[in-house]
């Protein structure tokens, strides 16, 4: 099956919805009403969190935009290369107020600061510390998004194979 004809493409393009009036991202019915998909996302440790939903939406966009050839077969998608490409361009917020808002939004985000400090990097200032901490969490969420897309792809390949086998019999 080609990417352009796949459920994966549809999910990446339409799986998340931005509500302007509330300034939040939510799952579209495509994902939100699919119990198996929701279970998979939460099994990957996705949190019910505005930042997680926003970053997951951005991740889906990044994967979709990285699919330069919509005629590629699903079996030929290299998710490791996609991950490397996407991670190479990830950045933390650029304003201190955005970084402190992120930190303030959940008490357990202090954990990411501790993680960065444990990595024993030569941190020059608080801004760099907050940026690296946010980037740590952002990479986790993007990784969940990529793993989810890979799972959707594998499920679709398996379903397509079963359908082809059923046609032959």
N, C-alpha and C. Protein backbone atom coordinates (compact mmCIF):
# COMPACT_ATOMS: atom_id res chain seq x y z
N UNK A 1 0.84 -1.18 0.00
CA UNK A 1 0.00 0.00 0.00
C UNK A 1 0.88 1.24 0.00
N UNK A 2 0.46 2.23 -0.74
CA UNK A 2 1.19 3.50 -0.85
C UNK A 2 0.79 4.42 0.32
N UNK A 3 1.74 5.24 0.74
CA UNK A 3 1.50 6.19 1.81
C UNK A 3 0.31 7.09 1.48
N UNK A 4 0.23 7.55 0.23
CA UNK A 4 -0.83 8.49 -0.16
C UNK A 4 -2.24 7.91 0.01
N UNK A 5 -2.37 6.58 0.01
CA UNK A 5 -3.66 5.93 0.13
C UNK A 5 -3.90 5.35 1.53
N UNK A 6 -3.03 5.65 2.45
CA UNK A 6 -3.04 4.95 3.74
C UNK A 6 -3.81 5.68 4.83
N UNK A 7 -4.22 4.90 5.81
CA UNK A 7 -4.81 5.44 7.03
C UNK A 7 -3.75 6.24 7.79
N UNK A 8 -2.49 5.81 7.73
CA UNK A 8 -1.40 6.53 8.39
C UNK A 8 -1.36 7.98 7.92
N UNK A 9 -1.44 8.18 6.62
CA UNK A 9 -1.42 9.55 6.07
C UNK A 9 -2.59 10.35 6.65
N UNK A 10 -3.75 9.76 6.68
CA UNK A 10 -4.93 10.44 7.19
C UNK A 10 -4.77 10.80 8.68
N UNK A 11 -4.22 9.89 9.45
CA UNK A 11 -4.01 10.14 10.88
C UNK A 11 -2.99 11.26 11.09
N UNK A 12 -1.90 11.22 10.35
CA UNK A 12 -0.88 12.27 10.49
C UNK A 12 -1.43 13.64 10.11
N UNK A 13 -2.25 13.65 9.07
CA UNK A 13 -2.79 14.91 8.56
C UNK A 13 -4.00 15.41 9.36
N UNK A 14 -4.82 14.50 9.87
CA UNK A 14 -6.09 14.89 10.49
C UNK A 14 -6.32 14.34 11.89
N UNK A 15 -5.31 13.76 12.52
CA UNK A 15 -5.49 13.11 13.81
C UNK A 15 -5.63 14.05 15.00
N UNK A 16 -5.16 15.27 14.84
CA UNK A 16 -5.25 16.25 15.92
C UNK A 16 -5.99 17.48 15.40
N UNK A 17 -6.68 18.15 16.30
CA UNK A 17 -7.45 19.34 15.95
C UNK A 17 -7.06 20.45 16.92
N UNK A 18 -6.88 21.66 16.39
CA UNK A 18 -6.59 22.82 17.24
C UNK A 18 -7.87 23.61 17.45
N UNK A 19 -8.22 23.83 18.70
CA UNK A 19 -9.40 24.63 19.04
C UNK A 19 -8.94 26.06 19.33
N UNK A 20 -9.15 26.96 18.38
CA UNK A 20 -8.67 28.33 18.51
C UNK A 20 -9.24 29.04 19.74
N UNK A 21 -10.53 28.86 19.97
CA UNK A 21 -11.17 29.58 21.07
C UNK A 21 -10.61 29.19 22.44
N UNK A 22 -10.14 27.96 22.57
CA UNK A 22 -9.57 27.49 23.84
C UNK A 22 -8.05 27.40 23.79
N UNK A 23 -7.47 27.56 22.59
CA UNK A 23 -6.03 27.50 22.37
C UNK A 23 -5.43 26.18 22.87
N UNK A 24 -6.10 25.08 22.49
CA UNK A 24 -5.62 23.75 22.87
C UNK A 24 -5.73 22.80 21.67
N UNK A 25 -4.93 21.76 21.72
CA UNK A 25 -5.01 20.68 20.74
C UNK A 25 -5.77 19.52 21.37
N UNK A 26 -6.59 18.88 20.56
CA UNK A 26 -7.32 17.70 21.01
C UNK A 26 -7.23 16.63 19.93
N UNK A 27 -7.56 15.40 20.29
CA UNK A 27 -7.63 14.35 19.29
C UNK A 27 -8.87 14.54 18.45
N UNK A 28 -8.75 14.38 17.15
CA UNK A 28 -9.94 14.36 16.30
C UNK A 28 -10.63 13.02 16.54
N UNK A 29 -11.85 12.89 16.02
CA UNK A 29 -12.58 11.63 16.18
C UNK A 29 -11.83 10.46 15.56
N UNK A 30 -11.00 10.75 14.58
CA UNK A 30 -10.23 9.71 13.91
C UNK A 30 -9.40 8.90 14.91
N UNK A 31 -8.84 9.58 15.91
CA UNK A 31 -8.08 8.90 16.96
C UNK A 31 -8.92 8.79 18.22
N UNK A 32 -9.57 9.89 18.60
CA UNK A 32 -10.27 9.96 19.88
C UNK A 32 -11.38 8.94 20.05
N UNK A 33 -12.00 8.53 18.95
CA UNK A 33 -13.08 7.54 19.05
C UNK A 33 -12.60 6.12 18.72
N UNK A 34 -11.28 5.96 18.59
CA UNK A 34 -10.72 4.65 18.31
C UNK A 34 -10.02 4.16 19.57
N UNK A 35 -10.69 3.28 20.30
CA UNK A 35 -10.18 2.82 21.59
C UNK A 35 -8.79 2.19 21.48
N UNK A 36 -8.57 1.42 20.44
CA UNK A 36 -7.27 0.76 20.28
C UNK A 36 -6.15 1.79 20.12
N UNK A 37 -6.40 2.84 19.33
CA UNK A 37 -5.39 3.88 19.15
C UNK A 37 -5.15 4.66 20.44
N UNK A 38 -6.21 4.99 21.14
CA UNK A 38 -6.05 5.72 22.40
C UNK A 38 -5.28 4.88 23.42
N UNK A 39 -5.60 3.60 23.49
CA UNK A 39 -4.87 2.71 24.39
C UNK A 39 -3.39 2.67 24.04
N UNK A 40 -3.09 2.62 22.75
CA UNK A 40 -1.70 2.57 22.32
C UNK A 40 -0.96 3.85 22.73
N UNK A 41 -1.58 4.99 22.51
CA UNK A 41 -0.95 6.26 22.88
C UNK A 41 -0.66 6.33 24.38
N UNK A 42 -1.62 5.93 25.19
CA UNK A 42 -1.41 6.01 26.63
C UNK A 42 -0.49 4.90 27.12
N UNK A 43 -0.44 3.79 26.40
CA UNK A 43 0.54 2.74 26.71
C UNK A 43 1.96 3.26 26.45
N UNK A 44 2.10 4.17 25.50
CA UNK A 44 3.40 4.79 25.21
C UNK A 44 3.72 5.90 26.21
N UNK A 45 2.87 6.10 27.21
CA UNK A 45 3.04 7.07 28.30
C UNK A 45 2.69 8.50 27.93
N UNK A 46 1.85 8.68 26.92
CA UNK A 46 1.37 10.02 26.64
C UNK A 46 0.53 10.49 27.82
N UNK A 47 0.78 11.71 28.25
CA UNK A 47 0.05 12.29 29.38
C UNK A 47 -1.12 13.12 28.87
N UNK A 48 -2.15 13.24 29.68
CA UNK A 48 -3.23 14.17 29.37
C UNK A 48 -2.70 15.54 29.79
N UNK A 49 -2.13 16.23 28.82
CA UNK A 49 -1.39 17.46 29.10
C UNK A 49 -1.39 18.31 27.84
N UNK A 50 -1.64 19.59 27.98
CA UNK A 50 -1.70 20.48 26.81
C UNK A 50 -0.40 20.47 26.02
N UNK A 51 0.74 20.45 26.69
CA UNK A 51 2.02 20.43 25.97
C UNK A 51 2.19 19.12 25.21
N UNK A 52 1.82 18.02 25.83
CA UNK A 52 1.95 16.73 25.15
C UNK A 52 1.08 16.70 23.90
N UNK A 53 -0.13 17.18 24.00
CA UNK A 53 -1.03 17.18 22.84
C UNK A 53 -0.51 18.11 21.75
N UNK A 54 -0.02 19.27 22.13
CA UNK A 54 0.53 20.21 21.15
C UNK A 54 1.74 19.60 20.45
N UNK A 55 2.65 19.04 21.24
CA UNK A 55 3.86 18.47 20.64
C UNK A 55 3.55 17.23 19.81
N UNK A 56 2.57 16.45 20.22
CA UNK A 56 2.17 15.29 19.42
C UNK A 56 1.63 15.77 18.07
N UNK A 57 0.84 16.82 18.09
CA UNK A 57 0.33 17.38 16.84
C UNK A 57 1.48 17.87 15.96
N UNK A 58 2.44 18.56 16.56
CA UNK A 58 3.61 19.04 15.80
C UNK A 58 4.41 17.86 15.26
N UNK A 59 4.50 16.79 16.04
CA UNK A 59 5.22 15.60 15.60
C UNK A 59 4.53 14.99 14.39
N UNK A 60 3.22 14.85 14.46
CA UNK A 60 2.47 14.32 13.30
C UNK A 60 2.71 15.18 12.08
N UNK A 61 2.71 16.51 12.26
CA UNK A 61 2.99 17.41 11.14
C UNK A 61 4.38 17.18 10.58
N UNK A 62 5.35 17.02 11.47
CA UNK A 62 6.74 16.83 11.04
C UNK A 62 6.90 15.51 10.28
N UNK A 63 6.26 14.46 10.75
CA UNK A 63 6.33 13.18 10.03
C UNK A 63 5.69 13.33 8.66
N UNK A 64 4.51 13.93 8.63
CA UNK A 64 3.79 14.11 7.37
C UNK A 64 4.64 14.92 6.38
N UNK A 65 5.23 16.00 6.86
CA UNK A 65 6.06 16.85 6.00
C UNK A 65 7.34 16.15 5.55
N UNK A 66 7.80 15.18 6.32
CA UNK A 66 9.01 14.43 5.97
C UNK A 66 8.76 13.37 4.91
N UNK A 67 7.50 13.11 4.63
CA UNK A 67 7.16 12.11 3.62
C UNK A 67 7.16 12.78 2.25
N UNK A 68 8.36 13.00 1.73
CA UNK A 68 8.52 13.72 0.46
C UNK A 68 7.87 12.99 -0.71
N UNK A 69 7.90 11.67 -0.64
CA UNK A 69 7.35 10.86 -1.73
C UNK A 69 6.09 10.15 -1.24
N UNK A 70 4.93 10.69 -1.59
CA UNK A 70 3.68 10.09 -1.14
C UNK A 70 3.42 8.75 -1.82
N UNK A 71 4.21 8.40 -2.83
CA UNK A 71 4.07 7.11 -3.51
C UNK A 71 4.90 6.02 -2.87
N UNK A 72 5.57 6.33 -1.77
CA UNK A 72 6.38 5.33 -1.09
C UNK A 72 5.46 4.25 -0.52
N UNK A 73 5.92 3.02 -0.58
CA UNK A 73 5.19 1.91 0.04
C UNK A 73 5.35 2.01 1.55
N UNK A 74 4.31 1.67 2.28
CA UNK A 74 4.38 1.73 3.74
C UNK A 74 5.55 0.90 4.27
N UNK A 75 5.81 -0.24 3.63
CA UNK A 75 6.91 -1.12 4.07
C UNK A 75 8.28 -0.46 3.96
N UNK A 76 8.37 0.57 3.12
CA UNK A 76 9.66 1.21 2.88
C UNK A 76 9.91 2.45 3.73
N UNK A 77 8.98 2.81 4.59
CA UNK A 77 9.18 3.98 5.44
C UNK A 77 10.22 3.65 6.50
N UNK A 78 11.25 4.47 6.58
CA UNK A 78 12.34 4.28 7.54
C UNK A 78 12.08 5.20 8.74
N UNK A 79 11.46 4.65 9.77
CA UNK A 79 11.10 5.47 10.93
C UNK A 79 12.32 5.92 11.72
N UNK A 80 13.42 5.15 11.69
CA UNK A 80 14.63 5.59 12.37
C UNK A 80 15.22 6.83 11.69
N UNK A 81 15.22 6.84 10.38
CA UNK A 81 15.72 8.01 9.64
C UNK A 81 14.79 9.21 9.87
N UNK A 82 13.47 8.95 9.88
CA UNK A 82 12.52 10.02 10.18
C UNK A 82 12.80 10.62 11.55
N UNK A 83 13.02 9.75 12.54
CA UNK A 83 13.30 10.21 13.91
C UNK A 83 14.55 11.08 13.91
N UNK A 84 15.61 10.62 13.28
CA UNK A 84 16.86 11.40 13.25
C UNK A 84 16.65 12.75 12.59
N UNK A 85 15.91 12.76 11.48
CA UNK A 85 15.66 13.99 10.75
C UNK A 85 14.84 14.97 11.60
N UNK A 86 13.81 14.48 12.23
CA UNK A 86 12.93 15.33 13.04
C UNK A 86 13.65 15.83 14.28
N UNK A 87 14.36 14.94 14.97
CA UNK A 87 15.06 15.34 16.19
C UNK A 87 16.16 16.36 15.92
N UNK A 88 16.75 16.32 14.74
CA UNK A 88 17.83 17.25 14.44
C UNK A 88 17.35 18.70 14.37
N UNK A 89 16.05 18.89 14.19
CA UNK A 89 15.53 20.25 14.09
C UNK A 89 14.67 20.67 15.29
N UNK A 90 14.56 19.82 16.29
CA UNK A 90 13.77 20.17 17.48
C UNK A 90 14.44 21.28 18.27
N UNK A 91 13.64 22.19 18.76
CA UNK A 91 14.16 23.28 19.58
C UNK A 91 13.21 23.52 20.75
N UNK A 92 13.76 24.05 21.81
CA UNK A 92 12.94 24.47 22.94
C UNK A 92 12.35 25.84 22.62
N UNK A 93 11.41 26.27 23.45
CA UNK A 93 10.86 27.61 23.29
C UNK A 93 11.99 28.64 23.40
N UNK A 94 11.82 29.76 22.74
CA UNK A 94 12.90 30.74 22.71
C UNK A 94 12.73 31.89 23.69
N UNK A 95 11.57 31.97 24.34
CA UNK A 95 11.35 33.03 25.33
C UNK A 95 11.31 32.44 26.73
N UNK A 96 11.98 33.13 27.64
CA UNK A 96 12.02 32.68 29.03
C UNK A 96 10.61 32.53 29.60
N UNK A 97 9.72 33.46 29.25
CA UNK A 97 8.35 33.38 29.77
C UNK A 97 7.65 32.10 29.32
N UNK A 98 7.93 31.65 28.10
CA UNK A 98 7.34 30.39 27.61
C UNK A 98 7.93 29.19 28.35
N UNK A 99 9.22 29.25 28.61
CA UNK A 99 9.87 28.15 29.33
C UNK A 99 9.39 28.07 30.77
N UNK A 100 9.25 29.22 31.42
CA UNK A 100 8.77 29.18 32.80
C UNK A 100 7.29 28.79 32.87
N UNK A 101 6.52 29.17 31.85
CA UNK A 101 5.11 28.73 31.80
C UNK A 101 5.04 27.22 31.66
N UNK A 102 5.91 26.66 30.81
CA UNK A 102 5.98 25.20 30.66
C UNK A 102 6.31 24.56 32.01
N UNK A 103 7.34 25.06 32.68
CA UNK A 103 7.76 24.50 33.97
C UNK A 103 6.65 24.62 35.01
N UNK A 104 5.98 25.73 35.02
CA UNK A 104 4.93 26.01 36.00
C UNK A 104 3.67 25.16 35.76
N UNK A 105 3.48 24.67 34.55
CA UNK A 105 2.24 23.97 34.20
C UNK A 105 2.06 22.63 34.90
N UNK A 106 3.15 22.03 35.35
CA UNK A 106 3.06 20.76 36.08
C UNK A 106 4.26 20.64 37.01
N UNK A 107 4.00 20.29 38.26
CA UNK A 107 5.08 20.20 39.25
C UNK A 107 6.14 19.18 38.89
N UNK A 108 5.74 18.08 38.25
CA UNK A 108 6.70 17.01 37.97
C UNK A 108 7.68 17.37 36.85
N UNK A 109 7.53 18.52 36.23
CA UNK A 109 8.49 18.93 35.18
C UNK A 109 9.86 19.25 35.77
N UNK A 110 9.92 19.46 37.07
CA UNK A 110 11.20 19.67 37.73
C UNK A 110 12.11 18.46 37.50
N UNK A 111 11.50 17.30 37.32
CA UNK A 111 12.25 16.07 37.04
C UNK A 111 13.17 16.25 35.82
N UNK A 112 12.69 16.96 34.81
CA UNK A 112 13.50 17.15 33.60
C UNK A 112 14.71 18.04 33.88
N UNK A 113 14.55 18.98 34.78
CA UNK A 113 15.70 19.81 35.19
C UNK A 113 16.72 18.92 35.89
N UNK A 114 16.25 18.07 36.78
CA UNK A 114 17.16 17.14 37.48
C UNK A 114 17.88 16.24 36.49
N UNK A 115 17.14 15.76 35.49
CA UNK A 115 17.75 14.89 34.47
C UNK A 115 18.88 15.60 33.73
N UNK A 116 18.64 16.84 33.35
CA UNK A 116 19.66 17.61 32.64
C UNK A 116 20.86 17.84 33.54
N UNK A 117 20.63 18.16 34.80
CA UNK A 117 21.74 18.38 35.73
C UNK A 117 22.55 17.10 35.96
N UNK A 118 21.86 15.96 35.97
CA UNK A 118 22.55 14.68 36.15
C UNK A 118 23.43 14.33 34.95
N UNK A 119 23.07 14.85 33.78
CA UNK A 119 23.88 14.59 32.59
C UNK A 119 25.21 15.31 32.66
N UNK A 120 25.40 16.14 33.67
CA UNK A 120 26.66 16.83 33.94
C UNK A 120 27.15 17.65 32.74
N UNK A 121 26.22 18.32 32.10
CA UNK A 121 26.59 19.22 31.01
C UNK A 121 27.08 20.53 31.62
N UNK A 122 27.82 21.25 30.88
CA UNK A 122 28.30 22.53 31.38
C UNK A 122 27.22 23.58 31.14
N UNK A 123 26.30 23.65 32.07
CA UNK A 123 25.18 24.58 31.97
C UNK A 123 25.70 25.98 32.31
N UNK A 124 25.39 26.92 31.40
CA UNK A 124 25.91 28.27 31.58
C UNK A 124 24.95 29.19 32.33
N UNK A 125 23.65 28.92 32.21
CA UNK A 125 22.69 29.80 32.88
C UNK A 125 21.34 29.10 33.00
N UNK A 126 20.42 29.76 33.67
CA UNK A 126 19.09 29.20 33.89
C UNK A 126 18.31 29.01 32.61
N UNK A 127 18.48 29.92 31.66
CA UNK A 127 17.77 29.79 30.38
C UNK A 127 18.19 28.50 29.67
N UNK A 128 19.48 28.25 29.65
CA UNK A 128 19.97 27.03 29.00
C UNK A 128 19.45 25.79 29.73
N UNK A 129 19.43 25.84 31.05
CA UNK A 129 18.93 24.72 31.84
C UNK A 129 17.46 24.44 31.52
N UNK A 130 16.63 25.49 31.52
CA UNK A 130 15.22 25.31 31.20
C UNK A 130 15.03 24.82 29.76
N UNK A 131 15.80 25.36 28.84
CA UNK A 131 15.69 24.94 27.43
C UNK A 131 16.01 23.47 27.27
N UNK A 132 17.09 23.03 27.87
CA UNK A 132 17.48 21.62 27.76
C UNK A 132 16.46 20.71 28.45
N UNK A 133 15.91 21.16 29.56
CA UNK A 133 14.90 20.38 30.27
C UNK A 133 13.64 20.24 29.41
N UNK A 134 13.19 21.35 28.83
CA UNK A 134 12.01 21.28 27.98
C UNK A 134 12.26 20.40 26.76
N UNK A 135 13.44 20.53 26.18
CA UNK A 135 13.78 19.72 25.02
C UNK A 135 13.79 18.23 25.36
N UNK A 136 14.20 17.91 26.56
CA UNK A 136 14.19 16.51 27.03
C UNK A 136 12.76 15.94 26.99
N UNK A 137 11.82 16.71 27.53
CA UNK A 137 10.42 16.24 27.52
C UNK A 137 9.86 16.24 26.10
N UNK A 138 10.18 17.24 25.34
CA UNK A 138 9.68 17.34 23.97
C UNK A 138 10.14 16.13 23.15
N UNK A 139 11.40 15.73 23.31
CA UNK A 139 11.91 14.55 22.61
C UNK A 139 11.16 13.29 23.02
N UNK A 140 10.82 13.18 24.30
CA UNK A 140 10.04 12.02 24.75
C UNK A 140 8.69 11.96 24.03
N UNK A 141 8.01 13.10 23.94
CA UNK A 141 6.70 13.14 23.31
C UNK A 141 6.81 12.86 21.81
N UNK A 142 7.79 13.46 21.17
CA UNK A 142 7.99 13.20 19.74
C UNK A 142 8.31 11.73 19.50
N UNK A 143 9.08 11.15 20.38
CA UNK A 143 9.38 9.73 20.25
C UNK A 143 8.10 8.89 20.36
N UNK A 144 7.21 9.28 21.27
CA UNK A 144 5.92 8.60 21.38
C UNK A 144 5.14 8.73 20.08
N UNK A 145 5.15 9.91 19.50
CA UNK A 145 4.44 10.14 18.25
C UNK A 145 4.99 9.31 17.11
N UNK A 146 6.30 9.20 17.05
CA UNK A 146 6.93 8.41 15.99
C UNK A 146 6.64 6.92 16.21
N UNK A 147 6.72 6.47 17.44
CA UNK A 147 6.40 5.07 17.74
C UNK A 147 4.94 4.77 17.43
N UNK A 148 4.06 5.71 17.71
CA UNK A 148 2.65 5.53 17.41
C UNK A 148 2.45 5.42 15.89
N UNK A 149 3.08 6.31 15.13
CA UNK A 149 2.97 6.28 13.67
C UNK A 149 3.52 4.97 13.12
N UNK A 150 4.60 4.50 13.69
CA UNK A 150 5.18 3.22 13.26
C UNK A 150 4.20 2.08 13.55
N UNK A 151 3.57 2.11 14.71
CA UNK A 151 2.59 1.09 15.07
C UNK A 151 1.40 1.12 14.10
N UNK A 152 0.88 2.32 13.81
CA UNK A 152 -0.23 2.45 12.86
C UNK A 152 0.17 1.86 11.51
N UNK A 153 1.38 2.18 11.08
CA UNK A 153 1.89 1.68 9.80
C UNK A 153 1.96 0.15 9.81
N UNK A 154 2.52 -0.42 10.87
CA UNK A 154 2.65 -1.88 10.96
C UNK A 154 1.27 -2.55 10.99
N UNK A 155 0.32 -1.96 11.71
CA UNK A 155 -1.03 -2.51 11.76
C UNK A 155 -1.68 -2.47 10.37
N UNK A 156 -1.44 -1.38 9.67
CA UNK A 156 -2.03 -1.24 8.34
C UNK A 156 -1.40 -2.21 7.34
N UNK A 157 -0.10 -2.42 7.45
CA UNK A 157 0.57 -3.39 6.57
C UNK A 157 0.01 -4.79 6.83
N UNK A 158 -0.15 -5.12 8.11
CA UNK A 158 -0.68 -6.44 8.48
C UNK A 158 -2.11 -6.61 7.97
N UNK A 159 -2.93 -5.59 8.13
CA UNK A 159 -4.32 -5.64 7.66
C UNK A 159 -4.38 -5.78 6.14
N UNK A 160 -3.52 -5.04 5.46
CA UNK A 160 -3.47 -5.10 4.00
C UNK A 160 -3.05 -6.51 3.54
N UNK A 161 -2.09 -7.09 4.25
CA UNK A 161 -1.63 -8.45 3.93
C UNK A 161 -2.77 -9.45 4.11
N UNK A 162 -3.49 -9.33 5.22
CA UNK A 162 -4.62 -10.24 5.47
C UNK A 162 -5.68 -10.11 4.38
N UNK A 163 -5.95 -8.88 3.97
CA UNK A 163 -6.94 -8.66 2.91
C UNK A 163 -6.49 -9.26 1.59
N UNK A 164 -5.22 -9.14 1.28
CA UNK A 164 -4.68 -9.74 0.05
C UNK A 164 -4.75 -11.25 0.11
N UNK A 165 -4.46 -11.82 1.25
CA UNK A 165 -4.52 -13.27 1.41
C UNK A 165 -5.98 -13.76 1.27
N UNK A 166 -6.91 -13.00 1.81
CA UNK A 166 -8.32 -13.37 1.71
C UNK A 166 -8.80 -13.32 0.27
N UNK A 167 -8.30 -12.38 -0.52
CA UNK A 167 -8.67 -12.28 -1.93
C UNK A 167 -8.17 -13.48 -2.73
N UNK A 168 -6.98 -13.99 -2.32
CA UNK A 168 -6.38 -15.11 -3.05
C UNK A 168 -7.09 -16.44 -2.76
N UNK A 169 -7.87 -16.49 -1.73
CA UNK A 169 -8.53 -17.76 -1.36
C UNK A 169 -9.94 -17.74 -1.71
